[in-house]
Amino acid sequence: MNEFEKEMERIEFRHAMEDINNRMDQVLQSIQMASKIQRNYFNGLIESGFNEEQALQIVIAHGVNIGGSVQSKEE
């Protein structure tokens, strides 16, 4: 591998790392938003009369697909 190819490889690697860092910020923002949605859903279920265990089980079953149906394990 000549010097030009080595430099091109370093540049490509640097760009790839920058892209990964940019995507990580987006992933972290998505996780934070999903957490807020789930917490609000949980609190809303409590306010609607479910106890904490029931609300937790509903949130676990639905995740961020609020009101979504639970798919059977056969699917």
N, C-alpha and C. Protein backbone atom coordinates (compact mmCIF):
# COMPACT_ATOMS: atom_id res chain seq x y z
N MET A 1 0.86 -1.17 0.00
CA MET A 1 0.00 0.00 0.00
C MET A 1 0.91 1.24 0.00
N ASN A 2 0.69 2.12 -0.96
CA ASN A 2 1.53 3.31 -1.03
C ASN A 2 1.01 4.40 -0.07
N GLU A 3 1.73 5.48 0.04
CA GLU A 3 1.39 6.55 0.98
C GLU A 3 0.03 7.17 0.67
N PHE A 4 -0.27 7.35 -0.60
CA PHE A 4 -1.57 7.92 -0.99
C PHE A 4 -2.71 7.02 -0.50
N GLU A 5 -2.59 5.72 -0.72
CA GLU A 5 -3.61 4.78 -0.29
C GLU A 5 -3.75 4.76 1.23
N LYS A 6 -2.63 4.84 1.93
CA LYS A 6 -2.67 4.89 3.39
C LYS A 6 -3.40 6.13 3.88
N GLU A 7 -3.11 7.27 3.26
CA GLU A 7 -3.77 8.52 3.65
C GLU A 7 -5.27 8.45 3.34
N MET A 8 -5.62 7.90 2.20
CA MET A 8 -7.04 7.75 1.85
C MET A 8 -7.75 6.84 2.85
N GLU A 9 -7.08 5.79 3.28
CA GLU A 9 -7.66 4.89 4.26
C GLU A 9 -7.87 5.60 5.60
N ARG A 10 -6.91 6.42 6.00
CA ARG A 10 -7.05 7.19 7.25
C ARG A 10 -8.22 8.17 7.15
N ILE A 11 -8.35 8.83 6.01
CA ILE A 11 -9.45 9.79 5.81
C ILE A 11 -10.79 9.06 5.85
N GLU A 12 -10.89 7.94 5.17
CA GLU A 12 -12.13 7.16 5.16
C GLU A 12 -12.48 6.68 6.57
N PHE A 13 -11.48 6.26 7.32
CA PHE A 13 -11.70 5.80 8.68
C PHE A 13 -12.21 6.96 9.54
N ARG A 14 -11.59 8.13 9.42
CA ARG A 14 -12.01 9.29 10.19
C ARG A 14 -13.46 9.66 9.87
N HIS A 15 -13.82 9.64 8.60
CA HIS A 15 -15.20 9.95 8.20
C HIS A 15 -16.17 8.92 8.75
N ALA A 16 -15.77 7.66 8.73
CA ALA A 16 -16.62 6.60 9.27
C ALA A 16 -16.85 6.81 10.77
N MET A 17 -15.81 7.17 11.49
CA MET A 17 -15.94 7.41 12.93
C MET A 17 -16.82 8.62 13.22
N GLU A 18 -16.70 9.67 12.42
CA GLU A 18 -17.55 10.85 12.58
C GLU A 18 -19.01 10.47 12.34
N ASP A 19 -19.26 9.65 11.34
CA ASP A 19 -20.62 9.20 11.04
C ASP A 19 -21.19 8.39 12.20
N ILE A 20 -20.39 7.51 12.77
CA ILE A 20 -20.84 6.73 13.92
C ILE A 20 -21.17 7.65 15.09
N ASN A 21 -20.32 8.63 15.36
CA ASN A 21 -20.58 9.57 16.46
C ASN A 21 -21.86 10.34 16.23
N ASN A 22 -22.11 10.79 15.00
CA ASN A 22 -23.34 11.51 14.69
C ASN A 22 -24.56 10.62 14.90
N ARG A 23 -24.46 9.39 14.50
CA ARG A 23 -25.58 8.47 14.67
C ARG A 23 -25.82 8.14 16.14
N MET A 24 -24.76 8.08 16.92
CA MET A 24 -24.92 7.80 18.35
C MET A 24 -25.73 8.88 19.03
N ASP A 25 -25.51 10.13 18.66
CA ASP A 25 -26.30 11.22 19.22
C ASP A 25 -27.77 11.02 18.89
N GLN A 26 -28.08 10.62 17.66
CA GLN A 26 -29.46 10.38 17.26
C GLN A 26 -30.05 9.20 18.02
N VAL A 27 -29.27 8.16 18.20
CA VAL A 27 -29.74 6.99 18.94
C VAL A 27 -30.04 7.37 20.39
N LEU A 28 -29.15 8.12 21.01
CA LEU A 28 -29.37 8.54 22.40
C LEU A 28 -30.61 9.41 22.52
N GLN A 29 -30.82 10.31 21.58
CA GLN A 29 -32.02 11.15 21.59
C GLN A 29 -33.28 10.30 21.44
N SER A 30 -33.23 9.30 20.59
CA SER A 30 -34.37 8.41 20.40
C SER A 30 -34.67 7.62 21.67
N ILE A 31 -33.63 7.15 22.34
CA ILE A 31 -33.81 6.42 23.59
C ILE A 31 -34.44 7.31 24.65
N GLN A 32 -33.96 8.54 24.75
CA GLN A 32 -34.51 9.48 25.73
C GLN A 32 -35.98 9.77 25.45
N MET A 33 -36.33 9.94 24.17
CA MET A 33 -37.72 10.22 23.81
C MET A 33 -38.60 9.01 24.11
N ALA A 34 -38.13 7.82 23.78
CA ALA A 34 -38.90 6.60 24.06
C ALA A 34 -39.11 6.43 25.56
N SER A 35 -38.10 6.75 26.35
CA SER A 35 -38.21 6.65 27.81
C SER A 35 -39.27 7.61 28.34
N LYS A 36 -39.28 8.82 27.82
CA LYS A 36 -40.29 9.81 28.25
C LYS A 36 -41.69 9.35 27.88
N ILE A 37 -41.84 8.80 26.67
CA ILE A 37 -43.15 8.31 26.23
C ILE A 37 -43.62 7.18 27.14
N GLN A 38 -42.74 6.24 27.43
CA GLN A 38 -43.11 5.11 28.29
C GLN A 38 -43.46 5.58 29.70
N ARG A 39 -42.70 6.53 30.22
CA ARG A 39 -42.97 7.03 31.58
C ARG A 39 -44.32 7.74 31.62
N ASN A 40 -44.61 8.55 30.60
CA ASN A 40 -45.90 9.24 30.55
C ASN A 40 -47.05 8.25 30.39
N TYR A 41 -46.84 7.21 29.60
CA TYR A 41 -47.84 6.16 29.42
C TYR A 41 -48.10 5.46 30.75
N PHE A 42 -47.03 5.09 31.45
CA PHE A 42 -47.14 4.45 32.76
C PHE A 42 -47.92 5.34 33.72
N ASN A 43 -47.54 6.62 33.81
CA ASN A 43 -48.22 7.55 34.72
C ASN A 43 -49.69 7.72 34.33
N GLY A 44 -49.96 7.77 33.03
CA GLY A 44 -51.35 7.89 32.57
C GLY A 44 -52.18 6.67 32.96
N LEU A 45 -51.59 5.51 32.88
CA LEU A 45 -52.30 4.29 33.30
C LEU A 45 -52.60 4.33 34.79
N ILE A 46 -51.66 4.78 35.59
CA ILE A 46 -51.86 4.90 37.04
C ILE A 46 -53.01 5.88 37.30
N GLU A 47 -52.99 7.02 36.63
CA GLU A 47 -54.04 8.03 36.81
C GLU A 47 -55.40 7.51 36.36
N SER A 48 -55.40 6.54 35.45
CA SER A 48 -56.66 5.97 34.95
C SER A 48 -57.18 4.85 35.84
N GLY A 49 -56.44 4.51 36.90
CA GLY A 49 -56.94 3.54 37.85
C GLY A 49 -56.21 2.21 37.92
N PHE A 50 -55.24 2.01 37.06
CA PHE A 50 -54.45 0.78 37.15
C PHE A 50 -53.47 0.90 38.31
N ASN A 51 -53.18 -0.24 38.96
CA ASN A 51 -52.15 -0.18 39.99
C ASN A 51 -50.78 -0.24 39.30
N GLU A 52 -49.72 -0.06 40.08
CA GLU A 52 -48.38 0.01 39.48
C GLU A 52 -47.99 -1.27 38.75
N GLU A 53 -48.32 -2.41 39.32
CA GLU A 53 -47.97 -3.69 38.68
C GLU A 53 -48.71 -3.85 37.36
N GLN A 54 -50.00 -3.52 37.35
CA GLN A 54 -50.77 -3.62 36.11
C GLN A 54 -50.22 -2.66 35.05
N ALA A 55 -49.96 -1.44 35.47
CA ALA A 55 -49.44 -0.44 34.53
C ALA A 55 -48.09 -0.87 33.97
N LEU A 56 -47.24 -1.41 34.82
CA LEU A 56 -45.93 -1.87 34.37
C LEU A 56 -46.07 -2.99 33.35
N GLN A 57 -46.96 -3.94 33.62
CA GLN A 57 -47.16 -5.05 32.68
C GLN A 57 -47.70 -4.57 31.33
N ILE A 58 -48.57 -3.58 31.35
CA ILE A 58 -49.10 -3.02 30.10
C ILE A 58 -47.99 -2.33 29.33
N VAL A 59 -47.18 -1.53 30.01
CA VAL A 59 -46.07 -0.84 29.35
C VAL A 59 -45.08 -1.85 28.79
N ILE A 60 -44.78 -2.90 29.54
CA ILE A 60 -43.87 -3.94 29.06
C ILE A 60 -44.43 -4.58 27.79
N ALA A 61 -45.72 -4.87 27.80
CA ALA A 61 -46.34 -5.54 26.66
C ALA A 61 -46.38 -4.66 25.42
N HIS A 62 -46.63 -3.37 25.62
CA HIS A 62 -46.81 -2.47 24.47
C HIS A 62 -45.56 -1.71 24.08
N GLY A 63 -44.61 -1.56 24.98
CA GLY A 63 -43.43 -0.75 24.67
C GLY A 63 -43.84 0.66 24.31
N VAL A 64 -43.29 1.19 23.23
CA VAL A 64 -43.67 2.54 22.81
C VAL A 64 -44.82 2.51 21.82
N ASN A 65 -45.35 1.32 21.54
CA ASN A 65 -46.51 1.19 20.66
C ASN A 65 -47.76 1.30 21.53
N ILE A 66 -48.00 2.50 22.03
CA ILE A 66 -49.07 2.74 22.99
C ILE A 66 -50.41 2.33 22.39
N GLY A 67 -51.12 1.50 23.15
CA GLY A 67 -52.41 1.04 22.69
C GLY A 67 -52.33 -0.09 21.68
N GLY A 68 -51.11 -0.46 21.32
CA GLY A 68 -50.93 -1.53 20.34
C GLY A 68 -51.29 -2.87 20.93
N SER A 69 -51.68 -3.78 20.08
CA SER A 69 -52.04 -5.10 20.56
C SER A 69 -50.78 -5.91 20.85
N VAL A 70 -50.92 -6.82 21.73
CA VAL A 70 -49.82 -7.71 22.07
C VAL A 70 -49.85 -8.86 21.08
N GLN A 71 -48.73 -9.10 20.41
CA GLN A 71 -48.67 -10.19 19.44
C GLN A 71 -48.44 -11.50 20.17
N SER A 72 -49.09 -12.53 19.67
CA SER A 72 -48.89 -13.84 20.30
C SER A 72 -47.50 -14.36 19.95
N LYS A 73 -47.01 -15.26 20.76
CA LYS A 73 -45.68 -15.81 20.54
C LYS A 73 -45.66 -16.74 19.34
N GLU A 74 -46.84 -17.14 18.85
CA GLU A 74 -46.91 -18.02 17.69
C GLU A 74 -46.62 -17.28 16.40
N GLU A 75 -46.79 -15.97 16.39
CA GLU A 75 -46.58 -15.18 15.17
C GLU A 75 -45.12 -15.02 14.86
